[in-house]
C-alpha atoms as a PDB file:
ATOM      1  CA  MET A   1      59.483  99.175 121.601  1.00  0.00           C
ATOM      2  CA  GLU A   2      60.411  96.152 123.417  1.00  0.00           C
ATOM      3  CA  ILE A   3      64.010  95.628 124.376  1.00  0.00           C
ATOM      4  CA  THR A   4      65.430  92.342 125.379  1.00  0.00           C
ATOM      5  CA  LEU A   5      68.767  92.910 127.589  1.00  0.00           C
ATOM      6  CA  LYS A   6      71.663  90.521 128.065  1.00  0.00           C
ATOM      7  CA  ASP A   7      69.911  88.792 131.223  1.00  0.00           C
ATOM      8  CA  GLY A   8      67.067  87.848 129.178  1.00  0.00           C
ATOM      9  CA  SER A   9      64.546  90.535 130.831  1.00  0.00           C
ATOM     10  CA  VAL A  10      62.366  92.639 128.615  1.00  0.00           C
ATOM     11  CA  ILE A  11      61.843  96.523 128.692  1.00  0.00           C
ATOM     12  CA  SER A  12      59.613  99.109 126.943  1.00  0.00           C
ATOM     13  CA  ALA A  13      61.343 101.963 125.440  1.00  0.00           C
ATOM     14  CA  GLU A  14      59.784 104.707 122.930  1.00  0.00           C
ATOM     15  CA  GLN A  15      61.097 104.720 119.744  1.00  0.00           C
ATOM     16  CA  GLY A  16      64.531 107.134 119.619  1.00  0.00           C
ATOM     17  CA  THR A  17      65.747 106.086 122.697  1.00  0.00           C
ATOM     18  CA  THR A  18      69.511 105.112 122.668  1.00  0.00           C
ATOM     19  CA  ALA A  19      71.266 102.302 124.153  1.00  0.00           C
ATOM     20  CA  LEU A  20      72.979 104.982 126.850  1.00  0.00           C
ATOM     21  CA  ASP A  21      69.381 106.365 127.913  1.00  0.00           C
ATOM     22  CA  ILE A  22      68.454 102.384 128.519  1.00  0.00           C
ATOM     23  CA  ALA A  23      72.076 102.215 130.410  1.00  0.00           C
ATOM     24  CA  GLY A  24      71.185 104.918 132.700  1.00  0.00           C
ATOM     25  CA  LYS A  25      67.493 103.823 133.346  1.00  0.00           C
ATOM     26  CA  LEU A  26      69.215 100.185 134.635  1.00  0.00           C
ATOM     27  CA  SER A  27      72.199 102.097 136.733  1.00  0.00           C
ATOM     28  CA  GLN A  28      73.848 105.480 136.670  1.00  0.00           C
ATOM     29  CA  LYS A  29      77.352 103.211 137.669  1.00  0.00           C
ATOM     30  CA  LEU A  30      76.362 101.252 134.277  1.00  0.00           C
ATOM     31  CA  LYS A  31      75.807 104.366 132.161  1.00  0.00           C
ATOM     32  CA  LYS A  32      78.739 105.920 133.430  1.00  0.00           C
ATOM     33  CA  SER A  33      81.115 102.860 132.477  1.00  0.00           C
ATOM     34  CA  ALA A  34      79.194 101.994 129.403  1.00  0.00           C
ATOM     35  CA  VAL A  35      81.336 102.591 126.278  1.00  0.00           C
ATOM     36  CA  ALA A  36      79.735 101.239 123.219  1.00  0.00           C
ATOM     37  CA  ALA A  37      76.352  98.648 122.610  1.00  0.00           C
ATOM     38  CA  LYS A  38      75.531  95.773 120.716  1.00  0.00           C
ATOM     39  CA  VAL A  39      72.112  95.815 118.775  1.00  0.00           C
ATOM     40  CA  ASP A  40      70.989  92.305 117.851  1.00  0.00           C
ATOM     41  CA  GLY A  41      74.536  91.243 117.816  1.00  0.00           C
ATOM     42  CA  LYS A  42      75.851  94.475 115.948  1.00  0.00           C
ATOM     43  CA  LEU A  43      78.396  96.595 117.238  1.00  0.00           C
ATOM     44  CA  THR A  44      77.306 100.141 117.368  1.00  0.00           C
ATOM     45  CA  ASP A  45      77.558 103.588 119.184  1.00  0.00           C
ATOM     46  CA  LEU A  46      75.664 103.960 122.495  1.00  0.00           C
ATOM     47  CA  THR A  47      74.026 107.222 121.231  1.00  0.00           C
ATOM     48  CA  ALA A  48      72.630 105.590 117.955  1.00  0.00           C
ATOM     49  CA  PRO A  49      68.586 105.507 117.945  1.00  0.00           C
ATOM     50  CA  LEU A  50      66.585 102.480 118.693  1.00  0.00           C
ATOM     51  CA  THR A  51      64.180 102.295 115.992  1.00  0.00           C
ATOM     52  CA  LYS A  52      62.558  98.542 116.690  1.00  0.00           C
ATOM     53  CA  ASP A  53      62.387  95.844 119.005  1.00  0.00           C
ATOM     54  CA  CYS A  54      65.891  94.552 119.370  1.00  0.00           C
ATOM     55  CA  ALA A  55      68.052  92.381 121.612  1.00  0.00           C
ATOM     56  CA  LEU A  56      70.476  95.049 123.553  1.00  0.00           C
ATOM     57  CA  GLU A  57      73.923  94.673 125.092  1.00  0.00           C
ATOM     58  CA  ILE A  58      75.613  97.563 126.826  1.00  0.00           C
ATOM     59  CA  LEU A  59      79.160  97.292 126.741  1.00  0.00           C
ATOM     60  CA  THR A  60      82.088  98.174 129.068  1.00  0.00           C
ATOM     61  CA  PHE A  61      85.931  98.279 128.677  1.00  0.00           C
ATOM     62  CA  ALA A  62      85.472  95.033 130.464  1.00  0.00           C
ATOM     63  CA  ASP A  63      84.369  93.372 127.241  1.00  0.00           C
ATOM     64  CA  GLU A  64      86.574  92.684 124.477  1.00  0.00           C
ATOM     65  CA  ASP A  65      84.238  94.889 122.030  1.00  0.00           C
ATOM     66  CA  GLY A  66      84.006  97.652 124.435  1.00  0.00           C
ATOM     67  CA  ARG A  67      87.881  97.410 124.436  1.00  0.00           C
ATOM     68  CA  TRP A  68      88.016  97.716 120.825  1.00  0.00           C
ATOM     69  CA  THR A  69      85.675 100.704 121.152  1.00  0.00           C
ATOM     70  CA  LEU A  70      87.659 102.773 123.177  1.00  0.00           C
ATOM     71  CA  ARG A  71      90.833 102.206 121.371  1.00  0.00           C
ATOM     72  CA  HIS A  72      89.062 102.760 117.890  1.00  0.00           C
ATOM     73  CA  THR A  73      88.344 106.350 119.288  1.00  0.00           C
ATOM     74  CA  ALA A  74      92.023 106.684 120.552  1.00  0.00           C
ATOM     75  CA  SER A  75      92.819 106.170 116.963  1.00  0.00           C
ATOM     76  CA  HIS A  76      90.820 109.500 115.621  1.00  0.00           C
ATOM     77  CA  VAL A  77      91.942 111.139 118.768  1.00  0.00           C
ATOM     78  CA  LEU A  78      95.471 110.422 117.361  1.00  0.00           C
ATOM     79  CA  ALA A  79      94.597 111.351 113.765  1.00  0.00           C
ATOM     80  CA  GLU A  80      93.212 114.665 115.094  1.00  0.00           C
ATOM     81  CA  ALA A  81      96.309 115.502 116.812  1.00  0.00           C
ATOM     82  CA  VAL A  82      98.274 114.771 114.023  1.00  0.00           C
ATOM     83  CA  LYS A  83      96.429 116.836 111.487  1.00  0.00           C
ATOM     84  CA  ALA A  84      96.702 119.624 113.558  1.00  0.00           C
ATOM     85  CA  LEU A  85     100.355 119.710 114.467  1.00  0.00           C
ATOM     86  CA  TYR A  86     101.189 118.237 110.832  1.00  0.00           C
ATOM     87  CA  PRO A  87      98.368 119.551 108.566  1.00  0.00           C
ATOM     88  CA  GLN A  88     100.231 118.365 105.207  1.00  0.00           C
ATOM     89  CA  ALA A  89     100.012 114.817 106.787  1.00  0.00           C
ATOM     90  CA  LYS A  90      97.549 112.422 104.809  1.00  0.00           C
ATOM     91  CA  LEU A  91      95.437 109.863 106.521  1.00  0.00           C
ATOM     92  CA  ALA A  92      95.378 105.922 105.838  1.00  0.00           C
ATOM     93  CA  ILE A  93      93.492 103.681 108.710  1.00  0.00           C
ATOM     94  CA  GLY A  94      93.416 104.007 112.072  1.00  0.00           C
ATOM     95  CA  PRO A  95      92.202 100.599 114.017  1.00  0.00           C
ATOM     96  CA  ALA A  96      92.080  98.990 117.135  1.00  0.00           C
ATOM     97  CA  ILE A  97      94.454  96.414 117.843  1.00  0.00           C
ATOM     98  CA  GLU A  98      94.850  93.611 120.217  1.00  0.00           C
ATOM     99  CA  ASN A  99      96.670  95.569 123.057  1.00  0.00           C
ATOM    100  CA  GLY A 100      96.163  99.294 121.611  1.00  0.00           C
ATOM    101  CA  PHE A 101      95.734 101.243 118.278  1.00  0.00           C
ATOM    102  CA  TYR A 102      97.501 102.665 115.389  1.00  0.00           C
ATOM    103  CA  TYR A 103      97.111 105.159 112.455  1.00  0.00           C
ATOM    104  CA  ASP A 104      98.843 104.926 109.393  1.00  0.00           C
ATOM    105  CA  PHE A 105      99.850 108.456 108.157  1.00  0.00           C
ATOM    106  CA  ASP A 106     101.761 109.337 105.027  1.00  0.00           C
ATOM    107  CA  VAL A 107     104.366 112.262 105.957  1.00  0.00           C
ATOM    108  CA  ASP A 108     107.762 113.298 104.969  1.00  0.00           C
ATOM    109  CA  HIS A 109     109.582 111.916 108.218  1.00  0.00           C
ATOM    110  CA  THR A 110     109.473 109.336 110.835  1.00  0.00           C
ATOM    111  CA  PHE A 111     107.950 110.954 114.117  1.00  0.00           C
ATOM    112  CA  SER A 112     110.964 111.284 116.268  1.00  0.00           C
ATOM    113  CA  PRO A 113     110.155 110.403 120.374  1.00  0.00           C
ATOM    114  CA  GLU A 114     110.103 114.212 121.298  1.00  0.00           C
ATOM    115  CA  GLU A 115     107.246 114.532 118.374  1.00  0.00           C
ATOM    116  CA  LEU A 116     105.387 111.557 119.857  1.00  0.00           C
ATOM    117  CA  ARG A 117     105.314 113.491 123.240  1.00  0.00           C
ATOM    118  CA  LYS A 118     104.026 116.553 121.448  1.00  0.00           C
ATOM    119  CA  ILE A 119     101.568 114.587 119.724  1.00  0.00           C
ATOM    120  CA  GLU A 120     100.407 113.109 122.923  1.00  0.00           C
ATOM    121  CA  LYS A 121     100.117 116.650 124.478  1.00  0.00           C
ATOM    122  CA  GLU A 122      97.733 117.759 121.634  1.00  0.00           C
ATOM    123  CA  MET A 123      95.943 114.280 122.150  1.00  0.00           C
ATOM    124  CA  SER A 124      95.216 115.308 125.769  1.00  0.00           C
ATOM    125  CA  ARG A 125      94.122 118.446 124.854  1.00  0.00           C
ATOM    126  CA  ILE A 126      91.581 116.985 122.335  1.00  0.00           C
ATOM    127  CA  ILE A 127      90.437 114.553 125.084  1.00  0.00           C
ATOM    128  CA  ALA A 128      89.678 117.635 127.482  1.00  0.00           C
ATOM    129  CA  LYS A 129      87.698 119.199 125.008  1.00  0.00           C
ATOM    130  CA  ASN A 130      85.345 116.359 125.380  1.00  0.00           C
ATOM    131  CA  ALA A 131      83.844 116.678 121.701  1.00  0.00           C
ATOM    132  CA  PRO A 132      81.003 114.723 120.961  1.00  0.00           C
ATOM    133  CA  MET A 133      81.739 111.931 118.103  1.00  0.00           C
ATOM    134  CA  GLU A 134      79.000 112.480 115.442  1.00  0.00           C
ATOM    135  CA  ARG A 135      78.276 109.914 112.842  1.00  0.00           C
ATOM    136  CA  PHE A 136      76.817 111.054 109.553  1.00  0.00           C
ATOM    137  CA  GLU A 137      76.455 109.074 106.103  1.00  0.00           C
ATOM    138  CA  LEU A 138      76.890 110.538 102.382  1.00  0.00           C
ATOM    139  CA  PRO A 139      76.281 108.886  99.470  1.00  0.00           C
ATOM    140  CA  ARG A 140      79.318 107.592  97.418  1.00  0.00           C
ATOM    141  CA  GLU A 141      79.768 110.583  95.139  1.00  0.00           C
ATOM    142  CA  GLU A 142      79.406 113.293  97.818  1.00  0.00           C
ATOM    143  CA  ALA A 143      81.840 111.358 100.147  1.00  0.00           C
ATOM    144  CA  ILE A 144      84.319 111.076  97.316  1.00  0.00           C
ATOM    145  CA  ALA A 145      84.236 114.668  96.603  1.00  0.00           C
ATOM    146  CA  PHE A 146      84.075 115.387 100.735  1.00  0.00           C
ATOM    147  CA  MET A 147      87.438 113.574 100.892  1.00  0.00           C
ATOM    148  CA  GLU A 148      88.754 114.870  98.090  1.00  0.00           C
ATOM    149  CA  GLU A 149      88.294 118.690  99.105  1.00  0.00           C
ATOM    150  CA  ARG A 150      90.020 117.712 102.115  1.00  0.00           C
ATOM    151  CA  ASN A 151      93.050 116.628 100.295  1.00  0.00           C
ATOM    152  CA  GLU A 152      92.846 113.120 101.548  1.00  0.00           C
ATOM    153  CA  PRO A 153      93.606 110.608  98.615  1.00  0.00           C
ATOM    154  CA  TYR A 154      93.810 107.206 100.801  1.00  0.00           C
ATOM    155  CA  LYS A 155      90.591 108.072 102.035  1.00  0.00           C
ATOM    156  CA  VAL A 156      89.318 108.517  98.396  1.00  0.00           C
ATOM    157  CA  GLU A 157      90.792 105.292  97.405  1.00  0.00           C
ATOM    158  CA  LEU A 158      89.231 103.476 100.459  1.00  0.00           C
ATOM    159  CA  ILE A 159      85.755 104.752  99.535  1.00  0.00           C
ATOM    160  CA  ARG A 160      86.106 104.017  95.849  1.00  0.00           C
ATOM    161  CA  ASP A 161      87.074 100.292  96.926  1.00  0.00           C
ATOM    162  CA  LEU A 162      83.860  99.877  99.024  1.00  0.00           C
ATOM    163  CA  PRO A 163      81.236  97.655  97.304  1.00  0.00           C
ATOM    164  CA  GLU A 164      78.306  99.479  95.647  1.00  0.00           C
ATOM    165  CA  GLY A 165      75.437  99.954  97.967  1.00  0.00           C
ATOM    166  CA  GLU A 166      77.537 100.098 101.053  1.00  0.00           C
ATOM    167  CA  THR A 167      76.937 102.575 103.715  1.00  0.00           C
ATOM    168  CA  ILE A 168      79.439 105.197 103.948  1.00  0.00           C
ATOM    169  CA  SER A 169      79.931 107.028 107.091  1.00  0.00           C
ATOM    170  CA  PHE A 170      81.773 109.501 108.806  1.00  0.00           C
ATOM    171  CA  TYR A 171      82.717 110.418 112.248  1.00  0.00           C
ATOM    172  CA  ARG A 172      83.167 114.000 113.526  1.00  0.00           C
ATOM    173  CA  GLN A 173      84.725 115.320 116.567  1.00  0.00           C
ATOM    174  CA  GLY A 174      84.749 118.906 116.256  1.00  0.00           C
ATOM    175  CA  ASP A 175      86.327 120.211 113.213  1.00  0.00           C
ATOM    176  CA  PHE A 176      87.994 117.081 112.797  1.00  0.00           C
ATOM    177  CA  VAL A 177      86.012 114.259 110.328  1.00  0.00           C
ATOM    178  CA  ASP A 178      87.276 110.876 109.234  1.00  0.00           C
ATOM    179  CA  LEU A 179      85.467 108.378 107.219  1.00  0.00           C
ATOM    180  CA  CYS A 180      84.694 105.307 109.440  1.00  0.00           C
ATOM    181  CA  ALA A 181      81.993 102.728 110.190  1.00  0.00           C
ATOM    182  CA  GLY A 182      82.120 102.964 114.200  1.00  0.00           C
ATOM    183  CA  ALA A 183      81.412 102.180 116.559  1.00  0.00           C
ATOM    184  CA  HIS A 184      83.244 104.938 118.995  1.00  0.00           C
ATOM    185  CA  LEU A 185      82.858 106.399 122.300  1.00  0.00           C
ATOM    186  CA  PRO A 186      80.040 109.054 122.949  1.00  0.00           C
ATOM    187  CA  SER A 187      82.846 111.653 123.056  1.00  0.00           C
ATOM    188  CA  THR A 188      86.613 112.203 122.981  1.00  0.00           C
ATOM    189  CA  GLY A 189      86.701 112.619 126.724  1.00  0.00           C
ATOM    190  CA  GLY A 190      85.834 109.009 127.086  1.00  0.00           C
ATOM    191  CA  VAL A 191      89.663 108.358 126.329  1.00  0.00           C
ATOM    192  CA  LYS A 192      91.412 108.390 129.874  1.00  0.00           C
ATOM    193  CA  ALA A 193      94.826 107.105 129.442  1.00  0.00           C
ATOM    194  CA  PHE A 194      96.960 106.446 126.392  1.00  0.00           C
ATOM    195  CA  LYS A 195     100.755 106.154 125.690  1.00  0.00           C
ATOM    196  CA  LEU A 196     102.131 106.480 122.217  1.00  0.00           C
ATOM    197  CA  THR A 197     105.628 103.840 122.136  1.00  0.00           C
ATOM    198  CA  SER A 198     105.918 104.375 118.300  1.00  0.00           C
END
């Protein structure tokens, strides 16, 4: 395959090579600071296999989409932490935002400042495990059944609202799985600093 980099240079790579592999060939410093990639202008995981000639941009936290990717991964870490501490919590959505991230939960109370500290501690434990962020896809009916088995009604609703033919993807980090289009860091360990404020 021919991979065209942001500076216009072209490198050859075998099919299945990842953006992370290419970042490592360019510079170990870039590989270490890379958080996501753009393939033909589309934001994607660093670990997604490249399958054809393409334009490739390696993103770091200095890039807006790189910051978005890191913050979005942090929202998944938050969701895992809340589910570990409050298994009855129902997951809604958890996007990155301009200056951070959030996740909507359906719980029977508002989290107190003490509980936020407890959630932060659990997030730190999850980050330390450095679990890989693994993407997988399911057909619509299997995806619905998958979320119904996990008693996640808002995720079922989100899947049903997707247009027919839409790719339905999930991310697994250890035992935790969430419905998500991505992109994410290669592992939870890439979330180095965070603070829950509300």
